[in-house]
Structures are given as structure tokens and as C-alpha cells.
Amino acid sequence: MIPVGVLVVAKAPVPGLAKTRLAAALGADVAADIAAAALLDTLDAVADCPAAAKVVALTGNLDDARCADEIRSRLDNFIVIGQRGADLAERLVHAHRDAAAATGGLPIVQIGMDTPQVSPELLERCAQSLLGSDAVLGLAGDGGWWVLGVRDAGFAECLRNVPMSTPDTGAVTLAALQDTDIHVELVCELVDVDTIDDVGAVRAGCGPGSRFSRATAGVGP
């Protein structure tokens, strides 16, 4: 086992609250089904990677979510913590600190649920990279980022000053990390799924039997 914790920051796939930009094109129920598929594929990849600990920071009510029973069953294999904070940046800062505390101070590799094409092997490479760096960062095709690993949870404090969900979130995050005078290793770029235009590229990176591939059959370019 690699002495690193993998953290998934996730939102319960509740219709009307999950994947709202997809919902504008596909409807709330279909968007929530796609979000549930993406979350479950992500949890499978994390569960199969050789990290010493696996954590999910969850927000939202699973009672109202799509695939609630399956998600609950999958979460039995994870340390589950609640998200806290007034906005996404603050929730990420707290999630890193809470995950590190829950895992005995392990370095943390954090992802979301928008890259269901992520594989156990890719997560393993990110974890291995973090063992030799202060931080790892993987940029996303929309200008954001899909993975952030920090050797010390305190390094994530710089996220408080980073505007989230903007075309330069990734670049600003990289600059904020480097401004703290730590070494940041860049890992591969991935496309994350936010809009219907992202679906095809993400699906192409998933296995043909993945939940995301099944949930998005016939959707997108």
C-alpha cells in the first residue's frame, strides 16, 4: 500500500441539485443519473487503487439521490466525512484537513466526481508522484483542475483565495501553490464533465462497461 490517502469530494446526485448545466440540456433526472454513474465509477477506481486510505467528503442528502442504495453500499468501504464551509474553496480546504486528520496525517490526493474515466493506475501514479513532491496538480480541459495532492494539509489553505469554476482556476491554483514556495508536480490533463459537450470526450476515456458509458449512451457528440 502507498502511504497516501485518496479523497473524493462528492455531492449526492439529487435531481435538480446535481449537474445543473447538464440538466438544462437533458432534464434533472437524467443529469442526476449521469452524476450517480460518474460518482460510482469514481468510487470503484479509488477502491481499486493501492492507497493506504480512501475517504469521501460528502454533501447533500442521499435519501433523495439517484442510486442511493448502491452509493451507500459502496461507501461502506470508505471513511466518510461531511463537507463544511461557506463556499467550494472553503469546503476543499476543510476536506483536506479533515481527511488528513481521519487518516492519521497521511498526504492526501483529492479528486472530484466529474472525471469517471480516472483509473486505479492513474490514481496510483498521482499518489507515487506526491511521495516525491510537496504537491501534485492535474489541470482540466476547461481551465480548472481535476486532482490536487498535498503532502501537508496546510498547503491547501491557499485555495481560499482561488476563484473556483472559472476559466483560469487551474492556473490560479498552480500560482497560489507556487507562491507558498513549495514544489508542485504537474500530472496529466483530463476532461471533466460539466456540460453536454464534455460527455463524448469523457465517455471515450471510460471503459465500455462503465456506468458512465451506459448512462450517457446516445448523449453528446
C-alpha atoms as a PDB file:
ATOM      1  CA  MET A   1       0.000   0.000   0.000  1.00  0.00           C
ATOM      2  CA  ILE A   2       1.160   3.527  -0.826  1.00  0.00           C
ATOM      3  CA  PRO A   3       1.202   5.696   2.331  1.00  0.00           C
ATOM      4  CA  VAL A   4      -1.195   8.242   0.829  1.00  0.00           C
ATOM      5  CA  GLY A   5      -4.910   8.853   1.293  1.00  0.00           C
ATOM      6  CA  VAL A   6      -7.204   9.381  -1.691  1.00  0.00           C
ATOM      7  CA  LEU A   7     -10.063  11.803  -1.070  1.00  0.00           C
ATOM      8  CA  VAL A   8     -13.191  12.125  -3.216  1.00  0.00           C
ATOM      9  CA  VAL A   9     -15.112  15.385  -2.763  1.00  0.00           C
ATOM     10  CA  ALA A  10     -18.640  14.433  -3.773  1.00  0.00           C
ATOM     11  CA  LYS A  11     -22.203  15.700  -3.918  1.00  0.00           C
ATOM     12  CA  ALA A  12     -25.240  13.461  -3.564  1.00  0.00           C
ATOM     13  CA  PRO A  13     -26.770  13.067  -7.054  1.00  0.00           C
ATOM     14  CA  VAL A  14     -30.152  14.610  -6.253  1.00  0.00           C
ATOM     15  CA  PRO A  15     -32.338  15.646  -9.230  1.00  0.00           C
ATOM     16  CA  GLY A  16     -32.429  19.408  -9.520  1.00  0.00           C
ATOM     17  CA  LEU A  17     -29.254  19.845  -7.473  1.00  0.00           C
ATOM     18  CA  ALA A  18     -26.725  17.687  -9.326  1.00  0.00           C
ATOM     19  CA  LYS A  19     -25.152  18.607 -12.656  1.00  0.00           C
ATOM     20  CA  THR A  20     -27.359  21.624 -13.249  1.00  0.00           C
ATOM     21  CA  ARG A  21     -25.644  22.554 -16.517  1.00  0.00           C
ATOM     22  CA  LEU A  22     -26.305  19.068 -17.852  1.00  0.00           C
ATOM     23  CA  ALA A  23     -29.853  19.286 -16.513  1.00  0.00           C
ATOM     24  CA  ALA A  24     -30.502  22.369 -18.638  1.00  0.00           C
ATOM     25  CA  ALA A  25     -29.983  20.211 -21.732  1.00  0.00           C
ATOM     26  CA  LEU A  26     -31.125  16.771 -20.558  1.00  0.00           C
ATOM     27  CA  GLY A  27     -33.505  17.294 -17.657  1.00  0.00           C
ATOM     28  CA  ALA A  28     -32.927  16.996 -13.928  1.00  0.00           C
ATOM     29  CA  ASP A  29     -33.495  13.249 -13.644  1.00  0.00           C
ATOM     30  CA  VAL A  30     -31.152  12.277 -16.485  1.00  0.00           C
ATOM     31  CA  ALA A  31     -28.474  14.652 -15.215  1.00  0.00           C
ATOM     32  CA  ALA A  32     -28.723  13.120 -11.735  1.00  0.00           C
ATOM     33  CA  ASP A  33     -28.491   9.618 -13.209  1.00  0.00           C
ATOM     34  CA  ILE A  34     -25.301  10.648 -15.028  1.00  0.00           C
ATOM     35  CA  ALA A  35     -23.915  12.187 -11.829  1.00  0.00           C
ATOM     36  CA  ALA A  36     -24.637   8.962  -9.920  1.00  0.00           C
ATOM     37  CA  ALA A  37     -22.899   6.910 -12.606  1.00  0.00           C
ATOM     38  CA  ALA A  38     -19.870   9.208 -12.521  1.00  0.00           C
ATOM     39  CA  LEU A  39     -19.678   9.022  -8.738  1.00  0.00           C
ATOM     40  CA  LEU A  40     -19.917   5.233  -8.652  1.00  0.00           C
ATOM     41  CA  ASP A  41     -17.282   4.797 -11.373  1.00  0.00           C
ATOM     42  CA  THR A  42     -15.007   7.155  -9.451  1.00  0.00           C
ATOM     43  CA  LEU A  43     -15.517   5.254  -6.206  1.00  0.00           C
ATOM     44  CA  ASP A  44     -14.700   1.987  -7.984  1.00  0.00           C
ATOM     45  CA  ALA A  45     -11.413   3.416  -9.276  1.00  0.00           C
ATOM     46  CA  VAL A  46     -10.455   4.746  -5.854  1.00  0.00           C
ATOM     47  CA  ALA A  47     -11.391   1.487  -4.139  1.00  0.00           C
ATOM     48  CA  ASP A  48      -9.109  -0.448  -6.503  1.00  0.00           C
ATOM     49  CA  CYS A  49      -6.068   1.801  -6.205  1.00  0.00           C
ATOM     50  CA  PRO A  50      -3.364   0.776  -3.705  1.00  0.00           C
ATOM     51  CA  ALA A  51      -3.670   3.825  -1.450  1.00  0.00           C
ATOM     52  CA  ALA A  52      -3.459   3.278   2.291  1.00  0.00           C
ATOM     53  CA  ALA A  53      -6.745   5.083   2.966  1.00  0.00           C
ATOM     54  CA  LYS A  54      -9.820   6.092   0.960  1.00  0.00           C
ATOM     55  CA  VAL A  55     -12.024   8.992   2.079  1.00  0.00           C
ATOM     56  CA  VAL A  56     -15.196  10.610   0.751  1.00  0.00           C
ATOM     57  CA  ALA A  57     -16.178  14.137   1.771  1.00  0.00           C
ATOM     58  CA  LEU A  58     -19.906  14.164   1.038  1.00  0.00           C
ATOM     59  CA  THR A  59     -22.537  16.867   0.880  1.00  0.00           C
ATOM     60  CA  GLY A  60     -26.232  16.524   0.126  1.00  0.00           C
ATOM     61  CA  ASN A  61     -28.988  14.138   1.164  1.00  0.00           C
ATOM     62  CA  LEU A  62     -28.505  10.594  -0.094  1.00  0.00           C
ATOM     63  CA  ASP A  63     -32.121   9.814   0.795  1.00  0.00           C
ATOM     64  CA  ASP A  64     -33.187  11.911  -2.224  1.00  0.00           C
ATOM     65  CA  ALA A  65     -30.367  10.805  -4.520  1.00  0.00           C
ATOM     66  CA  ARG A  66     -30.367   8.544  -7.541  1.00  0.00           C
ATOM     67  CA  CYS A  67     -28.802   5.104  -6.936  1.00  0.00           C
ATOM     68  CA  ALA A  68     -28.868   5.849  -3.206  1.00  0.00           C
ATOM     69  CA  ASP A  69     -28.699   2.212  -2.075  1.00  0.00           C
ATOM     70  CA  GLU A  70     -25.785   1.395  -4.379  1.00  0.00           C
ATOM     71  CA  ILE A  71     -23.890   4.501  -3.321  1.00  0.00           C
ATOM     72  CA  ARG A  72     -24.431   3.724   0.369  1.00  0.00           C
ATOM     73  CA  SER A  73     -23.192   0.177  -0.163  1.00  0.00           C
ATOM     74  CA  ARG A  74     -20.061   1.438  -1.949  1.00  0.00           C
ATOM     75  CA  LEU A  75     -19.375   3.961   0.788  1.00  0.00           C
ATOM     76  CA  ASP A  76     -19.088   1.136   3.328  1.00  0.00           C
ATOM     77  CA  ASN A  77     -15.518   0.731   2.057  1.00  0.00           C
ATOM     78  CA  PHE A  78     -14.618   4.391   2.638  1.00  0.00           C
ATOM     79  CA  ILE A  79     -14.087   6.761   5.513  1.00  0.00           C
ATOM     80  CA  VAL A  80     -16.990   9.198   5.062  1.00  0.00           C
ATOM     81  CA  ILE A  81     -16.776  12.758   6.349  1.00  0.00           C
ATOM     82  CA  GLY A  82     -19.123  15.687   5.866  1.00  0.00           C
ATOM     83  CA  GLN A  83     -18.231  18.774   3.908  1.00  0.00           C
ATOM     84  CA  ARG A  84     -18.142  22.069   5.765  1.00  0.00           C
ATOM     85  CA  GLY A  85     -17.607  25.629   4.656  1.00  0.00           C
ATOM     86  CA  ALA A  86     -19.452  28.522   3.086  1.00  0.00           C
ATOM     87  CA  ASP A  87     -18.216  28.027  -0.484  1.00  0.00           C
ATOM     88  CA  LEU A  88     -16.385  25.450  -2.586  1.00  0.00           C
ATOM     89  CA  ALA A  89     -12.921  26.812  -1.842  1.00  0.00           C
ATOM     90  CA  GLU A  90     -13.508  26.688   1.899  1.00  0.00           C
ATOM     91  CA  ARG A  91     -15.041  23.212   1.665  1.00  0.00           C
ATOM     92  CA  LEU A  92     -11.944  21.959  -0.174  1.00  0.00           C
ATOM     93  CA  VAL A  93      -9.627  23.431   2.456  1.00  0.00           C
ATOM     94  CA  HIS A  94     -11.593  21.766   5.251  1.00  0.00           C
ATOM     95  CA  ALA A  95     -11.859  18.485   3.316  1.00  0.00           C
ATOM     96  CA  HIS A  96      -8.074  18.250   3.034  1.00  0.00           C
ATOM     97  CA  ARG A  97      -7.616  18.956   6.737  1.00  0.00           C
ATOM     98  CA  ASP A  98     -10.409  16.589   7.805  1.00  0.00           C
ATOM     99  CA  ALA A  99      -9.200  13.798   5.517  1.00  0.00           C
ATOM    100  CA  ALA A 100      -5.647  14.131   6.808  1.00  0.00           C
ATOM    101  CA  ALA A 101      -6.924  14.008  10.385  1.00  0.00           C
ATOM    102  CA  ALA A 102      -9.098  10.963   9.637  1.00  0.00           C
ATOM    103  CA  THR A 103      -6.158   9.086   8.114  1.00  0.00           C
ATOM    104  CA  GLY A 104      -3.565   9.820  10.770  1.00  0.00           C
ATOM    105  CA  GLY A 105      -1.872  12.642   8.880  1.00  0.00           C
ATOM    106  CA  LEU A 106      -1.329  10.947   5.523  1.00  0.00           C
ATOM    107  CA  PRO A 107      -0.609  13.037   2.422  1.00  0.00           C
ATOM    108  CA  ILE A 108      -3.880  13.464   0.526  1.00  0.00           C
ATOM    109  CA  VAL A 109      -4.668  13.135  -3.191  1.00  0.00           C
ATOM    110  CA  GLN A 110      -8.041  14.783  -3.800  1.00  0.00           C
ATOM    111  CA  ILE A 111     -10.340  14.380  -6.794  1.00  0.00           C
ATOM    112  CA  GLY A 112     -13.962  15.150  -7.523  1.00  0.00           C
ATOM    113  CA  MET A 113     -16.691  13.077  -9.176  1.00  0.00           C
ATOM    114  CA  ASP A 114     -16.510  14.722 -12.613  1.00  0.00           C
ATOM    115  CA  THR A 115     -13.771  12.506 -14.087  1.00  0.00           C
ATOM    116  CA  PRO A 116     -15.246   8.989 -14.123  1.00  0.00           C
ATOM    117  CA  GLN A 117     -12.599   7.997 -16.663  1.00  0.00           C
ATOM    118  CA  VAL A 118      -9.973   8.064 -13.907  1.00  0.00           C
ATOM    119  CA  SER A 119      -8.344   4.680 -13.392  1.00  0.00           C
ATOM    120  CA  PRO A 120      -6.761   2.987 -10.378  1.00  0.00           C
ATOM    121  CA  GLU A 121      -3.438   3.087 -12.236  1.00  0.00           C
ATOM    122  CA  LEU A 122      -3.654   6.846 -12.791  1.00  0.00           C
ATOM    123  CA  LEU A 123      -4.511   7.436  -9.146  1.00  0.00           C
ATOM    124  CA  GLU A 124      -1.572   5.251  -8.167  1.00  0.00           C
ATOM    125  CA  ARG A 125       0.747   7.372 -10.328  1.00  0.00           C
ATOM    126  CA  CYS A 126      -0.579  10.546  -8.707  1.00  0.00           C
ATOM    127  CA  ALA A 127      -0.028   9.064  -5.249  1.00  0.00           C
ATOM    128  CA  GLN A 128       3.502   7.963  -6.122  1.00  0.00           C
ATOM    129  CA  SER A 129       4.258  11.417  -7.508  1.00  0.00           C
ATOM    130  CA  LEU A 130       3.098  13.021  -4.277  1.00  0.00           C
ATOM    131  CA  LEU A 131       5.604  10.956  -2.295  1.00  0.00           C
ATOM    132  CA  GLY A 132       8.369  12.847  -4.082  1.00  0.00           C
ATOM    133  CA  SER A 133       6.773  16.305  -4.168  1.00  0.00           C
ATOM    134  CA  ASP A 134       5.094  18.825  -1.914  1.00  0.00           C
ATOM    135  CA  ALA A 135       2.042  18.876  -4.180  1.00  0.00           C
ATOM    136  CA  VAL A 136       0.676  17.417  -7.407  1.00  0.00           C
ATOM    137  CA  LEU A 137      -1.838  19.126  -9.670  1.00  0.00           C
ATOM    138  CA  GLY A 138      -3.686  17.873 -12.719  1.00  0.00           C
ATOM    139  CA  LEU A 139      -5.306  20.510 -14.892  1.00  0.00           C
ATOM    140  CA  ALA A 140      -8.669  20.052 -16.580  1.00  0.00           C
ATOM    141  CA  GLY A 141      -9.611  20.837 -20.144  1.00  0.00           C
ATOM    142  CA  ASP A 142     -11.979  23.648 -19.128  1.00  0.00           C
ATOM    143  CA  GLY A 143      -9.258  25.592 -17.320  1.00  0.00           C
ATOM    144  CA  GLY A 144      -9.891  24.106 -13.890  1.00  0.00           C
ATOM    145  CA  TRP A 145      -8.187  21.148 -12.258  1.00  0.00           C
ATOM    146  CA  TRP A 146      -9.244  17.564 -11.610  1.00  0.00           C
ATOM    147  CA  VAL A 147      -6.729  16.432  -8.984  1.00  0.00           C
ATOM    148  CA  LEU A 148      -4.827  18.139  -6.193  1.00  0.00           C
ATOM    149  CA  GLY A 149      -2.473  16.273  -3.912  1.00  0.00           C
ATOM    150  CA  VAL A 150      -0.719  17.867  -0.948  1.00  0.00           C
ATOM    151  CA  ARG A 151       1.902  16.361   1.342  1.00  0.00           C
ATOM    152  CA  ASP A 152       0.701  18.587   4.185  1.00  0.00           C
ATOM    153  CA  ALA A 153      -2.951  19.617   4.508  1.00  0.00           C
ATOM    154  CA  GLY A 154      -1.831  23.134   5.354  1.00  0.00           C
ATOM    155  CA  PHE A 155      -0.656  23.574   1.768  1.00  0.00           C
ATOM    156  CA  ALA A 156      -4.330  23.524   0.668  1.00  0.00           C
ATOM    157  CA  GLU A 157      -5.002  26.715   2.644  1.00  0.00           C
ATOM    158  CA  CYS A 158      -4.032  28.725  -0.417  1.00  0.00           C
ATOM    159  CA  LEU A 159      -7.249  27.573  -2.101  1.00  0.00           C
ATOM    160  CA  ARG A 160      -9.199  30.066  -0.004  1.00  0.00           C
ATOM    161  CA  ASN A 161      -8.050  32.831  -2.342  1.00  0.00           C
ATOM    162  CA  VAL A 162      -8.659  30.915  -5.586  1.00  0.00           C
ATOM    163  CA  PRO A 163     -11.856  31.670  -7.553  1.00  0.00           C
ATOM    164  CA  MET A 164     -13.499  28.342  -8.335  1.00  0.00           C
ATOM    165  CA  SER A 165     -15.260  27.279 -11.542  1.00  0.00           C
ATOM    166  CA  THR A 166     -13.645  29.932 -13.717  1.00  0.00           C
ATOM    167  CA  PRO A 167     -11.614  29.502 -16.926  1.00  0.00           C
ATOM    168  CA  ASP A 168      -8.372  30.220 -15.042  1.00  0.00           C
ATOM    169  CA  THR A 169      -8.986  28.279 -11.808  1.00  0.00           C
ATOM    170  CA  GLY A 170      -6.245  25.804 -12.671  1.00  0.00           C
ATOM    171  CA  ALA A 171      -3.653  28.448 -13.479  1.00  0.00           C
ATOM    172  CA  VAL A 172      -4.517  30.476 -10.378  1.00  0.00           C
ATOM    173  CA  THR A 173      -4.344  27.359  -8.208  1.00  0.00           C
ATOM    174  CA  LEU A 174      -0.906  26.498  -9.582  1.00  0.00           C
ATOM    175  CA  ALA A 175       0.319  30.037  -8.942  1.00  0.00           C
ATOM    176  CA  ALA A 176      -1.137  30.039  -5.427  1.00  0.00           C
ATOM    177  CA  LEU A 177       0.641  26.776  -4.603  1.00  0.00           C
ATOM    178  CA  GLN A 178       3.923  28.000  -6.043  1.00  0.00           C
ATOM    179  CA  ASP A 179       3.606  31.278  -4.133  1.00  0.00           C
ATOM    180  CA  THR A 180       3.811  29.269  -0.912  1.00  0.00           C
ATOM    181  CA  ASP A 181       7.302  28.209  -2.046  1.00  0.00           C
ATOM    182  CA  ILE A 182       6.534  24.516  -2.426  1.00  0.00           C
ATOM    183  CA  HIS A 183       7.396  22.156  -5.274  1.00  0.00           C
ATOM    184  CA  VAL A 184       4.395  21.300  -7.461  1.00  0.00           C
ATOM    185  CA  GLU A 185       4.499  18.395  -9.910  1.00  0.00           C
ATOM    186  CA  LEU A 186       2.027  18.590 -12.788  1.00  0.00           C
ATOM    187  CA  VAL A 187       0.299  15.365 -13.808  1.00  0.00           C
ATOM    188  CA  CYS A 188      -1.771  14.649 -16.909  1.00  0.00           C
ATOM    189  CA  GLU A 189      -4.693  16.773 -18.013  1.00  0.00           C
ATOM    190  CA  LEU A 190      -8.219  15.284 -18.109  1.00  0.00           C
ATOM    191  CA  VAL A 191     -11.580  16.470 -19.378  1.00  0.00           C
ATOM    192  CA  ASP A 192     -14.185  16.775 -16.646  1.00  0.00           C
ATOM    193  CA  VAL A 193     -17.885  16.541 -17.343  1.00  0.00           C
ATOM    194  CA  ASP A 194     -19.840  19.735 -16.756  1.00  0.00           C
ATOM    195  CA  THR A 195     -21.859  20.251 -19.935  1.00  0.00           C
ATOM    196  CA  ILE A 196     -23.300  18.075 -22.669  1.00  0.00           C
ATOM    197  CA  ASP A 197     -20.326  18.997 -24.876  1.00  0.00           C
ATOM    198  CA  ASP A 198     -17.971  17.254 -22.422  1.00  0.00           C
ATOM    199  CA  VAL A 199     -19.817  13.937 -22.390  1.00  0.00           C
ATOM    200  CA  GLY A 200     -18.314  12.378 -25.506  1.00  0.00           C
ATOM    201  CA  ALA A 201     -14.704  13.055 -24.558  1.00  0.00           C
ATOM    202  CA  VAL A 202     -15.190  11.735 -21.034  1.00  0.00           C
ATOM    203  CA  ARG A 203     -17.044   8.658 -22.257  1.00  0.00           C
ATOM    204  CA  ALA A 204     -14.218   7.917 -24.702  1.00  0.00           C
ATOM    205  CA  GLY A 205     -11.863   7.623 -21.747  1.00  0.00           C
ATOM    206  CA  CYS A 206     -14.130   5.264 -19.816  1.00  0.00           C
ATOM    207  CA  GLY A 207     -14.323   1.521 -20.228  1.00  0.00           C
ATOM    208  CA  PRO A 208     -17.199   0.327 -22.430  1.00  0.00           C
ATOM    209  CA  GLY A 209     -18.832  -1.350 -19.446  1.00  0.00           C
ATOM    210  CA  SER A 210     -18.624   1.676 -17.184  1.00  0.00           C
ATOM    211  CA  ARG A 211     -21.741   3.091 -15.598  1.00  0.00           C
ATOM    212  CA  PHE A 212     -20.989   6.461 -17.164  1.00  0.00           C
ATOM    213  CA  SER A 213     -20.842   4.950 -20.645  1.00  0.00           C
ATOM    214  CA  ARG A 214     -24.175   3.237 -20.108  1.00  0.00           C
ATOM    215  CA  ALA A 215     -25.817   6.299 -18.552  1.00  0.00           C
ATOM    216  CA  THR A 216     -24.698   8.570 -21.414  1.00  0.00           C
ATOM    217  CA  ALA A 217     -25.388   6.245 -24.360  1.00  0.00           C
ATOM    218  CA  GLY A 218     -26.631   8.460 -27.162  1.00  0.00           C
ATOM    219  CA  VAL A 219     -25.841  11.683 -25.283  1.00  0.00           C
ATOM    220  CA  GLY A 220     -23.472  14.319 -26.624  1.00  0.00           C
ATOM    221  CA  PRO A 221     -21.238  14.368 -29.676  1.00  0.00           C
END
